Amino acid sequence: KTTHSFNLFMVNIDGTGLEQITYDAVFDAFPMFSP
């Protein structure tokens, strides 16, 4: 979305329904849900 920043997004496993989750100005990554 913006080359100069990484954020978290979510998408359906068929590739539809893309949604932005985080909005940091630089870097968000390595997400993991608890079991």
PDB file of all heavy atoms in Angstrom:
ATOM      1  N   LYS A   1       0.827  -1.212   0.000  1.00  0.00           N
ATOM      2  CA  LYS A   1       0.000   0.000   0.000  1.00  0.00           C
ATOM      3  C   LYS A   1       0.856   1.255   0.000  1.00  0.00           C
ATOM      4  O   LYS A   1       0.585   2.215  -0.729  1.00  0.00           O
ATOM      5  CB  LYS A   1      -0.926  -0.010   1.215  1.00  0.00           C
ATOM      6  CG  LYS A   1      -2.027   1.036   1.168  1.00  0.00           C
ATOM      7  CD  LYS A   1      -3.005   0.822   2.318  1.00  0.00           C
ATOM      8  CE  LYS A   1      -4.138   1.849   2.249  1.00  0.00           C
ATOM      9  NZ  LYS A   1      -5.109   1.640   3.356  1.00  0.00           N
ATOM     10  N   THR A   2       1.881   1.269   0.830  1.00  0.00           N
ATOM     11  CA  THR A   2       2.848   2.360   0.873  1.00  0.00           C
ATOM     12  C   THR A   2       4.230   1.731   0.976  1.00  0.00           C
ATOM     13  O   THR A   2       4.550   1.104   1.979  1.00  0.00           O
ATOM     14  CB  THR A   2       2.609   3.284   2.081  1.00  0.00           C
ATOM     15  OG1 THR A   2       2.582   2.503   3.275  1.00  0.00           O
ATOM     16  CG2 THR A   2       1.306   4.040   1.939  1.00  0.00           C
ATOM     17  N   THR A   3       5.038   1.903  -0.047  1.00  0.00           N
ATOM     18  CA  THR A   3       6.327   1.222  -0.125  1.00  0.00           C
ATOM     19  C   THR A   3       7.197   1.502   1.088  1.00  0.00           C
ATOM     20  O   THR A   3       7.978   0.649   1.518  1.00  0.00           O
ATOM     21  CB  THR A   3       7.075   1.655  -1.400  1.00  0.00           C
ATOM     22  OG1 THR A   3       6.234   1.408  -2.526  1.00  0.00           O
ATOM     23  CG2 THR A   3       8.370   0.880  -1.567  1.00  0.00           C
ATOM     24  N   HIS A   4       7.062   2.695   1.698  1.00  0.00           N
ATOM     25  CA  HIS A   4       7.948   3.086   2.780  1.00  0.00           C
ATOM     26  C   HIS A   4       7.475   2.626   4.156  1.00  0.00           C
ATOM     27  O   HIS A   4       8.051   3.022   5.165  1.00  0.00           O
ATOM     28  CB  HIS A   4       8.150   4.607   2.785  1.00  0.00           C
ATOM     29  CG  HIS A   4       6.878   5.390   2.949  1.00  0.00           C
ATOM     30  ND1 HIS A   4       6.146   5.824   1.877  1.00  0.00           N
ATOM     31  CD2 HIS A   4       6.220   5.807   4.051  1.00  0.00           C
ATOM     32  CE1 HIS A   4       5.090   6.489   2.310  1.00  0.00           C
ATOM     33  NE2 HIS A   4       5.107   6.489   3.619  1.00  0.00           N
ATOM     34  N   SER A   5       6.440   1.810   4.235  1.00  0.00           N
ATOM     35  CA  SER A   5       6.038   1.293   5.547  1.00  0.00           C
ATOM     36  C   SER A   5       5.387  -0.075   5.412  1.00  0.00           C
ATOM     37  O   SER A   5       4.715  -0.361   4.424  1.00  0.00           O
ATOM     38  CB  SER A   5       5.070   2.254   6.250  1.00  0.00           C
ATOM     39  OG  SER A   5       3.853   2.361   5.534  1.00  0.00           O
ATOM     40  N   PHE A   6       5.637  -0.935   6.408  1.00  0.00           N
ATOM     41  CA  PHE A   6       5.026  -2.253   6.480  1.00  0.00           C
ATOM     42  C   PHE A   6       3.963  -2.253   7.561  1.00  0.00           C
ATOM     43  O   PHE A   6       4.205  -1.821   8.694  1.00  0.00           O
ATOM     44  CB  PHE A   6       6.074  -3.322   6.809  1.00  0.00           C
ATOM     45  CG  PHE A   6       6.897  -3.740   5.625  1.00  0.00           C
ATOM     46  CD1 PHE A   6       7.967  -2.977   5.206  1.00  0.00           C
ATOM     47  CD2 PHE A   6       6.597  -4.898   4.935  1.00  0.00           C
ATOM     48  CE1 PHE A   6       8.731  -3.354   4.115  1.00  0.00           C
ATOM     49  CE2 PHE A   6       7.352  -5.288   3.836  1.00  0.00           C
ATOM     50  CZ  PHE A   6       8.423  -4.510   3.432  1.00  0.00           C
ATOM     51  N   ASN A   7       2.789  -2.754   7.215  1.00  0.00           N
ATOM     52  CA  ASN A   7       1.722  -2.925   8.192  1.00  0.00           C
ATOM     53  C   ASN A   7       1.137  -4.319   8.079  1.00  0.00           C
ATOM     54  O   ASN A   7       1.438  -5.067   7.138  1.00  0.00           O
ATOM     55  CB  ASN A   7       0.636  -1.861   7.988  1.00  0.00           C
ATOM     56  CG  ASN A   7       0.970  -0.561   8.696  1.00  0.00           C
ATOM     57  OD1 ASN A   7       0.932  -0.471   9.920  1.00  0.00           O
ATOM     58  ND2 ASN A   7       1.320   0.454   7.921  1.00  0.00           N
ATOM     59  N   LEU A   8       0.301  -4.672   9.058  1.00  0.00           N
ATOM     60  CA  LEU A   8      -0.371  -5.961   9.049  1.00  0.00           C
ATOM     61  C   LEU A   8      -1.686  -5.847   8.289  1.00  0.00           C
ATOM     62  O   LEU A   8      -2.422  -4.867   8.444  1.00  0.00           O
ATOM     63  CB  LEU A   8      -0.636  -6.444  10.469  1.00  0.00           C
ATOM     64  CG  LEU A   8       0.581  -6.609  11.371  1.00  0.00           C
ATOM     65  CD1 LEU A   8       0.160  -7.181  12.727  1.00  0.00           C
ATOM     66  CD2 LEU A   8       1.642  -7.494  10.726  1.00  0.00           C
ATOM     67  N   PHE A   9      -1.954  -6.866   7.472  1.00  0.00           N
ATOM     68  CA  PHE A   9      -3.196  -6.960   6.717  1.00  0.00           C
ATOM     69  C   PHE A   9      -3.780  -8.353   6.927  1.00  0.00           C
ATOM     70  O   PHE A   9      -3.075  -9.280   7.347  1.00  0.00           O
ATOM     71  CB  PHE A   9      -2.941  -6.729   5.226  1.00  0.00           C
ATOM     72  CG  PHE A   9      -2.492  -5.334   4.886  1.00  0.00           C
ATOM     73  CD1 PHE A   9      -1.166  -4.955   5.052  1.00  0.00           C
ATOM     74  CD2 PHE A   9      -3.392  -4.400   4.414  1.00  0.00           C
ATOM     75  CE1 PHE A   9      -0.740  -3.670   4.755  1.00  0.00           C
ATOM     76  CE2 PHE A   9      -2.974  -3.104   4.107  1.00  0.00           C
ATOM     77  CZ  PHE A   9      -1.651  -2.737   4.280  1.00  0.00           C
ATOM     78  N   MET A  10      -5.064  -8.510   6.615  1.00  0.00           N
ATOM     79  CA  MET A  10      -5.694  -9.827   6.685  1.00  0.00           C
ATOM     80  C   MET A  10      -6.472 -10.058   5.397  1.00  0.00           C
ATOM     81  O   MET A  10      -7.059  -9.126   4.833  1.00  0.00           O
ATOM     82  CB  MET A  10      -6.604  -9.939   7.900  1.00  0.00           C
ATOM     83  CG  MET A  10      -6.981 -11.373   8.250  1.00  0.00           C
ATOM     84  SD  MET A  10      -7.414 -11.551  10.016  1.00  0.00           S
ATOM     85  CE  MET A  10      -8.753 -10.393  10.161  1.00  0.00           C
ATOM     86  N   VAL A  11      -6.473 -11.307   4.945  1.00  0.00           N
ATOM     87  CA  VAL A  11      -7.137 -11.646   3.696  1.00  0.00           C
ATOM     88  C   VAL A  11      -7.752 -13.033   3.833  1.00  0.00           C
ATOM     89  O   VAL A  11      -7.248 -13.873   4.586  1.00  0.00           O
ATOM     90  CB  VAL A  11      -6.131 -11.602   2.518  1.00  0.00           C
ATOM     91  CG1 VAL A  11      -5.089 -12.720   2.642  1.00  0.00           C
ATOM     92  CG2 VAL A  11      -6.826 -11.645   1.175  1.00  0.00           C
ATOM     93  N   ASN A  12      -8.860 -13.267   3.155  1.00  0.00           N
ATOM     94  CA  ASN A  12      -9.452 -14.603   3.119  1.00  0.00           C
ATOM     95  C   ASN A  12      -8.514 -15.551   2.371  1.00  0.00           C
ATOM     96  O   ASN A  12      -7.745 -15.122   1.515  1.00  0.00           O
ATOM     97  CB  ASN A  12     -10.814 -14.581   2.421  1.00  0.00           C
ATOM     98  CG  ASN A  12     -11.836 -13.750   3.173  1.00  0.00           C
ATOM     99  OD1 ASN A  12     -11.825 -13.695   4.398  1.00  0.00           O
ATOM    100  ND2 ASN A  12     -12.719 -13.097   2.430  1.00  0.00           N
ATOM    101  N   ILE A  13      -8.602 -16.839   2.664  1.00  0.00           N
ATOM    102  CA  ILE A  13      -7.679 -17.787   2.044  1.00  0.00           C
ATOM    103  C   ILE A  13      -7.946 -17.974   0.552  1.00  0.00           C
ATOM    104  O   ILE A  13      -7.126 -18.592  -0.137  1.00  0.00           O
ATOM    105  CB  ILE A  13      -7.683 -19.155   2.759  1.00  0.00           C
ATOM    106  CG1 ILE A  13      -9.073 -19.788   2.745  1.00  0.00           C
ATOM    107  CG2 ILE A  13      -7.164 -19.016   4.179  1.00  0.00           C
ATOM    108  CD1 ILE A  13      -9.086 -21.203   3.296  1.00  0.00           C
ATOM    109  N   ASP A  14      -9.049 -17.400   0.045  1.00  0.00           N
ATOM    110  CA  ASP A  14      -9.258 -17.410  -1.406  1.00  0.00           C
ATOM    111  C   ASP A  14      -8.777 -16.114  -2.047  1.00  0.00           C
ATOM    112  O   ASP A  14      -8.977 -15.894  -3.246  1.00  0.00           O
ATOM    113  CB  ASP A  14     -10.730 -17.664  -1.746  1.00  0.00           C
ATOM    114  CG  ASP A  14     -11.664 -16.554  -1.253  1.00  0.00           C
ATOM    115  OD1 ASP A  14     -11.169 -15.568  -0.649  1.00  0.00           O
ATOM    116  OD2 ASP A  14     -12.884 -16.662  -1.468  1.00  0.00           O
ATOM    117  N   GLY A  15      -8.146 -15.232  -1.247  1.00  0.00           N
ATOM    118  CA  GLY A  15      -7.580 -13.991  -1.774  1.00  0.00           C
ATOM    119  C   GLY A  15      -8.510 -12.796  -1.742  1.00  0.00           C
ATOM    120  O   GLY A  15      -8.114 -11.685  -2.110  1.00  0.00           O
ATOM    121  N   THR A  16      -9.738 -12.983  -1.282  1.00  0.00           N
ATOM    122  CA  THR A  16     -10.703 -11.878  -1.224  1.00  0.00           C
ATOM    123  C   THR A  16     -10.676 -11.225   0.165  1.00  0.00           C
ATOM    124  O   THR A  16     -10.088 -11.740   1.111  1.00  0.00           O
ATOM    125  CB  THR A  16     -12.121 -12.376  -1.512  1.00  0.00           C
ATOM    126  OG1 THR A  16     -12.523 -13.310  -0.473  1.00  0.00           O
ATOM    127  CG2 THR A  16     -12.191 -13.080  -2.859  1.00  0.00           C
ATOM    128  N   GLY A  17     -11.362 -10.086   0.259  1.00  0.00           N
ATOM    129  CA  GLY A  17     -11.607  -9.472   1.561  1.00  0.00           C
ATOM    130  C   GLY A  17     -10.381  -8.883   2.237  1.00  0.00           C
ATOM    131  O   GLY A  17     -10.254  -8.960   3.465  1.00  0.00           O
ATOM    132  N   LEU A  18      -9.483  -8.271   1.477  1.00  0.00           N
ATOM    133  CA  LEU A  18      -8.278  -7.682   2.069  1.00  0.00           C
ATOM    134  C   LEU A  18      -8.653  -6.571   3.052  1.00  0.00           C
ATOM    135  O   LEU A  18      -9.449  -5.689   2.736  1.00  0.00           O
ATOM    136  CB  LEU A  18      -7.382  -7.120   0.965  1.00  0.00           C
ATOM    137  CG  LEU A  18      -6.055  -6.524   1.410  1.00  0.00           C
ATOM    138  CD1 LEU A  18      -5.135  -7.613   1.951  1.00  0.00           C
ATOM    139  CD2 LEU A  18      -5.388  -5.779   0.248  1.00  0.00           C
ATOM    140  N   GLU A  19      -8.044  -6.609   4.241  1.00  0.00           N
ATOM    141  CA  GLU A  19      -8.333  -5.624   5.289  1.00  0.00           C
ATOM    142  C   GLU A  19      -7.043  -5.217   5.991  1.00  0.00           C
ATOM    143  O   GLU A  19      -6.234  -6.074   6.346  1.00  0.00           O
ATOM    144  CB  GLU A  19      -9.305  -6.212   6.316  1.00  0.00           C
ATOM    145  CG  GLU A  19      -9.637  -5.272   7.464  1.00  0.00           C
ATOM    146  CD  GLU A  19     -10.522  -5.916   8.527  1.00  0.00           C
ATOM    147  OE1 GLU A  19     -10.758  -7.141   8.446  1.00  0.00           O
ATOM    148  OE2 GLU A  19     -10.964  -5.187   9.437  1.00  0.00           O
ATOM    149  N   GLN A  20      -6.847  -3.917   6.180  1.00  0.00           N
ATOM    150  CA  GLN A  20      -5.672  -3.438   6.918  1.00  0.00           C
ATOM    151  C   GLN A  20      -5.935  -3.555   8.411  1.00  0.00           C
ATOM    152  O   GLN A  20      -6.989  -3.186   8.905  1.00  0.00           O
ATOM    153  CB  GLN A  20      -5.353  -1.993   6.541  1.00  0.00           C
ATOM    154  CG  GLN A  20      -4.042  -1.503   7.147  1.00  0.00           C
ATOM    155  CD  GLN A  20      -3.542  -0.215   6.540  1.00  0.00           C
ATOM    156  OE1 GLN A  20      -4.028   0.215   5.491  1.00  0.00           O
ATOM    157  NE2 GLN A  20      -2.555   0.422   7.163  1.00  0.00           N
ATOM    158  N   ILE A  21      -4.928  -4.057   9.151  1.00  0.00           N
ATOM    159  CA  ILE A  21      -5.074  -4.306  10.588  1.00  0.00           C
ATOM    160  C   ILE A  21      -4.306  -3.285  11.424  1.00  0.00           C
ATOM    161  O   ILE A  21      -4.809  -2.802  12.434  1.00  0.00           O
ATOM    162  CB  ILE A  21      -4.603  -5.730  10.946  1.00  0.00           C
ATOM    163  CG1 ILE A  21      -5.391  -6.765  10.125  1.00  0.00           C
ATOM    164  CG2 ILE A  21      -4.752  -5.994  12.440  1.00  0.00           C
ATOM    165  CD1 ILE A  21      -6.880  -6.762  10.366  1.00  0.00           C
ATOM    166  N   THR A  22      -3.056  -2.956  11.051  1.00  0.00           N
ATOM    167  CA  THR A  22      -2.271  -1.985  11.811  1.00  0.00           C
ATOM    168  C   THR A  22      -1.919  -0.779  10.949  1.00  0.00           C
ATOM    169  O   THR A  22      -1.977  -0.842   9.722  1.00  0.00           O
ATOM    170  CB  THR A  22      -0.968  -2.599  12.367  1.00  0.00           C
ATOM    171  OG1 THR A  22      -0.109  -2.958  11.278  1.00  0.00           O
ATOM    172  CG2 THR A  22      -1.271  -3.815  13.228  1.00  0.00           C
ATOM    173  N   TYR A  23      -1.532   0.313  11.613  1.00  0.00           N
ATOM    174  CA  TYR A  23      -1.339   1.579  10.917  1.00  0.00           C
ATOM    175  C   TYR A  23      -0.074   2.305  11.385  1.00  0.00           C
ATOM    176  O   TYR A  23      -0.026   3.523  11.439  1.00  0.00           O
ATOM    177  CB  TYR A  23      -2.568   2.474  11.130  1.00  0.00           C
ATOM    178  CG  TYR A  23      -3.786   1.971  10.405  1.00  0.00           C
ATOM    179  CD1 TYR A  23      -4.589   0.985  10.969  1.00  0.00           C
ATOM    180  CD2 TYR A  23      -4.133   2.463   9.151  1.00  0.00           C
ATOM    181  CE1 TYR A  23      -5.705   0.508  10.294  1.00  0.00           C
ATOM    182  CE2 TYR A  23      -5.254   1.994   8.474  1.00  0.00           C
ATOM    183  CZ  TYR A  23      -6.030   1.011   9.057  1.00  0.00           C
ATOM    184  OH  TYR A  23      -7.128   0.553   8.385  1.00  0.00           O
ATOM    185  N   ASP A  24       0.977   1.574  11.685  1.00  0.00           N
ATOM    186  CA  ASP A  24       2.225   2.206  12.100  1.00  0.00           C
ATOM    187  C   ASP A  24       2.897   2.868  10.896  1.00  0.00           C
ATOM    188  O   ASP A  24       2.712   2.438   9.752  1.00  0.00           O
ATOM    189  CB  ASP A  24       3.165   1.172  12.725  1.00  0.00           C
ATOM    190  CG  ASP A  24       4.403   1.795  13.322  1.00  0.00           C
ATOM    191  OD1 ASP A  24       4.261   2.644  14.209  1.00  0.00           O
ATOM    192  OD2 ASP A  24       5.517   1.452  12.889  1.00  0.00           O
ATOM    193  N   ALA A  25       3.702   3.902  11.158  1.00  0.00           N
ATOM    194  CA  ALA A  25       4.330   4.652  10.077  1.00  0.00           C
ATOM    195  C   ALA A  25       5.553   3.955   9.497  1.00  0.00           C
ATOM    196  O   ALA A  25       6.027   4.333   8.430  1.00  0.00           O
ATOM    197  CB  ALA A  25       4.730   6.039  10.580  1.00  0.00           C
ATOM    198  N   VAL A  26       6.093   2.944  10.183  1.00  0.00           N
ATOM    199  CA  VAL A  26       7.330   2.328   9.720  1.00  0.00           C
ATOM    200  C   VAL A  26       7.210   0.826   9.535  1.00  0.00           C
ATOM    201  O   VAL A  26       7.282   0.315   8.426  1.00  0.00           O
ATOM    202  CB  VAL A  26       8.506   2.646  10.680  1.00  0.00           C
ATOM    203  CG1 VAL A  26       9.802   2.041  10.145  1.00  0.00           C
ATOM    204  CG2 VAL A  26       8.671   4.150  10.833  1.00  0.00           C
ATOM    205  N   PHE A  27       7.006   0.060  10.608  1.00  0.00           N
ATOM    206  CA  PHE A  27       7.180  -1.387  10.502  1.00  0.00           C
ATOM    207  C   PHE A  27       6.343  -2.143  11.522  1.00  0.00           C
ATOM    208  O   PHE A  27       6.484  -1.964  12.724  1.00  0.00           O
ATOM    209  CB  PHE A  27       8.662  -1.718  10.719  1.00  0.00           C
ATOM    210  CG  PHE A  27       8.999  -3.191  10.666  1.00  0.00           C
ATOM    211  CD1 PHE A  27       9.173  -3.837   9.451  1.00  0.00           C
ATOM    212  CD2 PHE A  27       9.159  -3.921  11.833  1.00  0.00           C
ATOM    213  CE1 PHE A  27       9.495  -5.188   9.404  1.00  0.00           C
ATOM    214  CE2 PHE A  27       9.484  -5.266  11.798  1.00  0.00           C
ATOM    215  CZ  PHE A  27       9.646  -5.903  10.577  1.00  0.00           C
ATOM    216  N   ASP A  28       5.441  -2.989  11.037  1.00  0.00           N
ATOM    217  CA  ASP A  28       4.732  -3.992  11.834  1.00  0.00           C
ATOM    218  C   ASP A  28       4.852  -5.320  11.092  1.00  0.00           C
ATOM    219  O   ASP A  28       4.590  -5.380   9.880  1.00  0.00           O
ATOM    220  CB  ASP A  28       3.242  -3.664  12.000  1.00  0.00           C
ATOM    221  CG  ASP A  28       2.987  -2.465  12.898  1.00  0.00           C
ATOM    222  OD1 ASP A  28       3.787  -2.242  13.818  1.00  0.00           O
ATOM    223  OD2 ASP A  28       1.986  -1.764  12.671  1.00  0.00           O
ATOM    224  N   ALA A  29       5.234  -6.393  11.792  1.00  0.00           N
ATOM    225  CA  ALA A  29       5.398  -7.685  11.122  1.00  0.00           C
ATOM    226  C   ALA A  29       5.386  -8.811  12.142  1.00  0.00           C
ATOM    227  O   ALA A  29       5.212  -8.590  13.334  1.00  0.00           O
ATOM    228  CB  ALA A  29       6.688  -7.717  10.307  1.00  0.00           C
ATOM    229  N   PHE A  30       5.603 -10.040  11.656  1.00  0.00           N
ATOM    230  CA  PHE A  30       5.680 -11.258  12.462  1.00  0.00           C
ATOM    231  C   PHE A  30       4.463 -11.444  13.380  1.00  0.00           C
ATOM    232  O   PHE A  30       4.606 -11.674  14.577  1.00  0.00           O
ATOM    233  CB  PHE A  30       6.967 -11.275  13.304  1.00  0.00           C
ATOM    234  CG  PHE A  30       8.222 -11.109  12.507  1.00  0.00           C
ATOM    235  CD1 PHE A  30       9.005  -9.975  12.654  1.00  0.00           C
ATOM    236  CD2 PHE A  30       8.626 -12.067  11.587  1.00  0.00           C
ATOM    237  CE1 PHE A  30      10.175  -9.805  11.902  1.00  0.00           C
ATOM    238  CE2 PHE A  30       9.788 -11.907  10.842  1.00  0.00           C
ATOM    239  CZ  PHE A  30      10.560 -10.777  11.007  1.00  0.00           C
ATOM    240  N   PRO A  31       3.248 -11.371  12.824  1.00  0.00           N
ATOM    241  CA  PRO A  31       2.073 -11.597  13.672  1.00  0.00           C
ATOM    242  C   PRO A  31       1.844 -13.076  13.942  1.00  0.00           C
ATOM    243  O   PRO A  31       2.080 -13.921  13.073  1.00  0.00           O
ATOM    244  CB  PRO A  31       0.935 -11.021  12.821  1.00  0.00           C
ATOM    245  CG  PRO A  31       1.380 -11.299  11.409  1.00  0.00           C
ATOM    246  CD  PRO A  31       2.883 -11.107  11.424  1.00  0.00           C
ATOM    247  N   MET A  32       1.396 -13.410  15.135  1.00  0.00           N
ATOM    248  CA  MET A  32       1.009 -14.782  15.453  1.00  0.00           C
ATOM    249  C   MET A  32      -0.113 -14.771  16.474  1.00  0.00           C
ATOM    250  O   MET A  32      -0.006 -14.132  17.531  1.00  0.00           O
ATOM    251  CB  MET A  32       2.181 -15.586  16.012  1.00  0.00           C
ATOM    252  CG  MET A  32       1.808 -17.037  16.311  1.00  0.00           C
ATOM    253  SD  MET A  32       3.075 -17.940  17.240  1.00  0.00           S
ATOM    254  CE  MET A  32       2.319 -19.583  17.287  1.00  0.00           C
ATOM    255  N   PHE A  33      -1.196 -15.454  16.154  1.00  0.00           N
ATOM    256  CA  PHE A  33      -2.288 -15.612  17.108  1.00  0.00           C
ATOM    257  C   PHE A  33      -1.921 -16.653  18.158  1.00  0.00           C
ATOM    258  O   PHE A  33      -1.270 -17.658  17.860  1.00  0.00           O
ATOM    259  CB  PHE A  33      -3.566 -16.066  16.395  1.00  0.00           C
ATOM    260  CG  PHE A  33      -4.211 -14.993  15.564  1.00  0.00           C
ATOM    261  CD1 PHE A  33      -4.038 -14.970  14.190  1.00  0.00           C
ATOM    262  CD2 PHE A  33      -4.983 -14.015  16.164  1.00  0.00           C
ATOM    263  CE1 PHE A  33      -4.621 -13.981  13.417  1.00  0.00           C
ATOM    264  CE2 PHE A  33      -5.586 -13.013  15.401  1.00  0.00           C
ATOM    265  CZ  PHE A  33      -5.396 -12.997  14.024  1.00  0.00           C
ATOM    266  N   SER A  34      -2.322 -16.409  19.397  1.00  0.00           N
ATOM    267  CA  SER A  34      -2.156 -17.423  20.436  1.00  0.00           C
ATOM    268  C   SER A  34      -3.006 -18.629  20.085  1.00  0.00           C
ATOM    269  O   SER A  34      -4.013 -18.511  19.385  1.00  0.00           O
ATOM    270  CB  SER A  34      -2.559 -16.855  21.801  1.00  0.00           C
ATOM    271  OG  SER A  34      -3.905 -16.394  21.782  1.00  0.00           O
ATOM    272  N   PRO A  35      -2.617 -19.816  20.539  1.00  0.00           N
ATOM    273  CA  PRO A  35      -3.382 -21.018  20.188  1.00  0.00           C
ATOM    274  C   PRO A  35      -4.861 -20.940  20.546  1.00  0.00           C
ATOM    275  O   PRO A  35      -5.695 -21.529  19.848  1.00  0.00           O
ATOM    276  CB  PRO A  35      -2.668 -22.115  20.987  1.00  0.00           C
ATOM    277  CG  PRO A  35      -1.250 -21.645  21.060  1.00  0.00           C
ATOM    278  CD  PRO A  35      -1.362 -20.159  21.235  1.00  0.00           C
TER     279      PRO A  35
END
